[in-house]
C-alpha atoms as a PDB file:
ATOM      1  CA  MET A   1      14.783 -18.776 -21.608  1.00  0.00           C
ATOM      2  CA  ASN A   2      12.883 -20.661 -18.887  1.00  0.00           C
ATOM      3  CA  PHE A   3      13.436 -20.373 -15.163  1.00  0.00           C
ATOM      4  CA  TYR A   4      12.216 -22.838 -12.576  1.00  0.00           C
ATOM      5  CA  TYR A   5      12.003 -22.183  -8.855  1.00  0.00           C
ATOM      6  CA  SER A   6      11.316 -24.493  -5.951  1.00  0.00           C
ATOM      7  CA  HIS A   7       9.434 -21.807  -4.008  1.00  0.00           C
ATOM      8  CA  GLY A   8       6.969 -19.095  -5.020  1.00  0.00           C
ATOM      9  CA  ARG A   9       8.704 -16.585  -2.753  1.00  0.00           C
ATOM     10  CA  THR A  10      11.947 -17.080  -4.707  1.00  0.00           C
ATOM     11  CA  ALA A  11      10.148 -16.556  -8.008  1.00  0.00           C
ATOM     12  CA  PHE A  12       8.511 -13.449  -6.512  1.00  0.00           C
ATOM     13  CA  LYS A  13      11.901 -12.080  -5.430  1.00  0.00           C
ATOM     14  CA  MET A  14      13.401 -12.681  -8.874  1.00  0.00           C
ATOM     15  CA  GLY A  15      10.359 -10.985 -10.426  1.00  0.00           C
ATOM     16  CA  LEU A  16      10.869  -7.936  -8.230  1.00  0.00           C
ATOM     17  CA  ARG A  17      14.508  -7.791  -9.297  1.00  0.00           C
ATOM     18  CA  TYR A  18      13.562  -8.241 -12.960  1.00  0.00           C
ATOM     19  CA  LEU A  19      11.159  -5.308 -12.621  1.00  0.00           C
ATOM     20  CA  LYS A  20      14.030  -3.304 -11.135  1.00  0.00           C
ATOM     21  CA  LEU A  21      12.249  -2.569  -7.877  1.00  0.00           C
ATOM     22  CA  LYS A  22      14.772  -1.364  -5.352  1.00  0.00           C
ATOM     23  CA  LYS A  23      15.301  -0.197  -1.796  1.00  0.00           C
ATOM     24  CA  ASN A  24      12.495   1.992  -0.436  1.00  0.00           C
ATOM     25  CA  ASP A  25      10.222   1.415  -3.445  1.00  0.00           C
ATOM     26  CA  LYS A  26       6.648   0.595  -2.469  1.00  0.00           C
ATOM     27  CA  ILE A  27       4.322  -2.153  -3.683  1.00  0.00           C
ATOM     28  CA  LEU A  28       0.562  -2.416  -3.171  1.00  0.00           C
ATOM     29  CA  MET A  29      -0.339  -5.862  -1.838  1.00  0.00           C
ATOM     30  CA  PRO A  30      -3.548  -7.426  -0.529  1.00  0.00           C
ATOM     31  CA  ASN A  31      -3.857  -7.459   3.248  1.00  0.00           C
ATOM     32  CA  TYR A  32      -4.728 -11.159   3.066  1.00  0.00           C
ATOM     33  CA  ILE A  33      -1.448 -12.667   1.862  1.00  0.00           C
ATOM     34  CA  CYS A  34       0.914 -15.442   2.866  1.00  0.00           C
ATOM     35  CA  ASP A  35       3.532 -13.997   5.199  1.00  0.00           C
ATOM     36  CA  VAL A  36       6.425 -15.651   3.322  1.00  0.00           C
ATOM     37  CA  LEU A  37       5.883 -13.145   0.495  1.00  0.00           C
ATOM     38  CA  LEU A  38       7.078 -10.483   2.901  1.00  0.00           C
ATOM     39  CA  ASP A  39      10.529 -12.128   3.136  1.00  0.00           C
ATOM     40  CA  PRO A  40      11.616 -11.058  -0.380  1.00  0.00           C
ATOM     41  CA  LEU A  41      10.344  -7.547   0.340  1.00  0.00           C
ATOM     42  CA  ASN A  42      12.392  -7.428   3.534  1.00  0.00           C
ATOM     43  CA  ASP A  43      15.472  -8.782   1.722  1.00  0.00           C
ATOM     44  CA  LEU A  44      15.203  -6.132  -1.000  1.00  0.00           C
ATOM     45  CA  GLU A  45      14.034  -3.426   1.447  1.00  0.00           C
ATOM     46  CA  ILE A  46      10.839  -2.823  -0.526  1.00  0.00           C
ATOM     47  CA  LYS A  47       7.944  -1.441   1.495  1.00  0.00           C
ATOM     48  CA  PRO A  48       4.509  -3.090   1.276  1.00  0.00           C
ATOM     49  CA  ILE A  49       1.350  -1.001   1.355  1.00  0.00           C
ATOM     50  CA  PHE A  50      -1.614  -3.228   2.113  1.00  0.00           C
ATOM     51  CA  TYR A  51      -5.003  -2.778   0.476  1.00  0.00           C
ATOM     52  CA  LYS A  52      -8.285  -4.356   1.544  1.00  0.00           C
ATOM     53  CA  ILE A  53      -9.849  -7.533   0.217  1.00  0.00           C
ATOM     54  CA  LYS A  54     -13.639  -7.878   0.095  1.00  0.00           C
ATOM     55  CA  LYS A  55     -15.550 -10.746   1.732  1.00  0.00           C
ATOM     56  CA  ASP A  56     -15.787 -12.489  -1.658  1.00  0.00           C
ATOM     57  CA  PHE A  57     -11.952 -12.361  -1.913  1.00  0.00           C
ATOM     58  CA  THR A  58     -11.872  -9.769  -4.672  1.00  0.00           C
ATOM     59  CA  CYS A  59      -9.739  -6.651  -4.447  1.00  0.00           C
ATOM     60  CA  ASP A  60     -11.275  -3.497  -3.058  1.00  0.00           C
ATOM     61  CA  PHE A  61     -10.535  -1.241  -6.029  1.00  0.00           C
ATOM     62  CA  LYS A  62     -11.573   1.933  -4.197  1.00  0.00           C
ATOM     63  CA  ASN A  63      -9.123   1.096  -1.419  1.00  0.00           C
ATOM     64  CA  ILE A  64      -6.361   0.527  -3.992  1.00  0.00           C
ATOM     65  CA  GLU A  65      -7.077   3.951  -5.500  1.00  0.00           C
ATOM     66  CA  LYS A  66      -7.020   5.476  -2.019  1.00  0.00           C
ATOM     67  CA  LYS A  67      -3.708   3.821  -1.056  1.00  0.00           C
ATOM     68  CA  PHE A  68      -1.930   4.701  -4.317  1.00  0.00           C
ATOM     69  CA  ASN A  69       0.633   7.506  -4.267  1.00  0.00           C
ATOM     70  CA  ASN A  70       3.579   8.434  -6.477  1.00  0.00           C
ATOM     71  CA  SER A  71       6.002   6.328  -4.453  1.00  0.00           C
ATOM     72  CA  VAL A  72       4.147   3.112  -5.396  1.00  0.00           C
ATOM     73  CA  LYS A  73       5.989   1.230  -8.125  1.00  0.00           C
ATOM     74  CA  ALA A  74       3.884  -1.957  -8.454  1.00  0.00           C
ATOM     75  CA  LEU A  75       0.548  -3.608  -7.710  1.00  0.00           C
ATOM     76  CA  LEU A  76       0.235  -7.270  -6.754  1.00  0.00           C
ATOM     77  CA  LEU A  77      -3.087  -8.982  -7.512  1.00  0.00           C
ATOM     78  CA  VAL A  78      -3.972 -12.450  -6.246  1.00  0.00           C
ATOM     79  CA  ASN A  79      -6.534 -14.798  -7.765  1.00  0.00           C
ATOM     80  CA  TYR A  80      -7.831 -16.365  -4.564  1.00  0.00           C
ATOM     81  CA  PHE A  81      -9.001 -19.967  -4.898  1.00  0.00           C
ATOM     82  CA  GLY A  82      -8.468 -19.753  -8.677  1.00  0.00           C
ATOM     83  CA  PHE A  83     -11.160 -17.111  -9.201  1.00  0.00           C
ATOM     84  CA  GLU A  84      -9.797 -14.540 -11.576  1.00  0.00           C
ATOM     85  CA  GLU A  85     -10.029 -10.797 -10.984  1.00  0.00           C
ATOM     86  CA  ARG A  86     -11.228  -8.456 -13.720  1.00  0.00           C
ATOM     87  CA  LYS A  87      -7.696  -7.614 -14.801  1.00  0.00           C
ATOM     88  CA  GLN A  88      -8.456  -4.965 -17.400  1.00  0.00           C
ATOM     89  CA  ARG A  89      -9.646  -2.527 -14.745  1.00  0.00           C
ATOM     90  CA  TYR A  90      -6.345  -2.868 -12.890  1.00  0.00           C
ATOM     91  CA  LEU A  91      -4.240  -2.793 -16.058  1.00  0.00           C
ATOM     92  CA  ASN A  92      -5.907   0.462 -17.085  1.00  0.00           C
ATOM     93  CA  PHE A  93      -5.326   1.914 -13.607  1.00  0.00           C
ATOM     94  CA  CYS A  94      -1.634   0.944 -13.677  1.00  0.00           C
ATOM     95  CA  LYS A  95      -1.175   2.323 -17.163  1.00  0.00           C
ATOM     96  CA  LYS A  96      -2.880   5.599 -16.234  1.00  0.00           C
ATOM     97  CA  LYS A  97      -0.741   5.986 -13.105  1.00  0.00           C
ATOM     98  CA  LYS A  98       2.411   4.724 -14.902  1.00  0.00           C
ATOM     99  CA  PHE A  99       3.363   1.869 -12.599  1.00  0.00           C
ATOM    100  CA  ILE A 100       3.678  -1.919 -12.869  1.00  0.00           C
END
């Protein structure tokens, strides 16, 4: 089944619902992010925890590790300007900590 959305924030909100994130769950997000992505979080009452981005627009992995706690249910990564992050490092971290 395919779904098409007119706005990224709507797709993001549907993704959060699909992942069964709910009220008071927490999500790690980069501190450099479009503010409209906060609207779905506000609607669903999900709490963002912001992690640092380095000057080269890659995620600060040490800061992500520092910000993680057991109430975090998901991690959002952004490929800024089309440059891809080293995903395997983050996938391993999520798997180890048992979150999305």
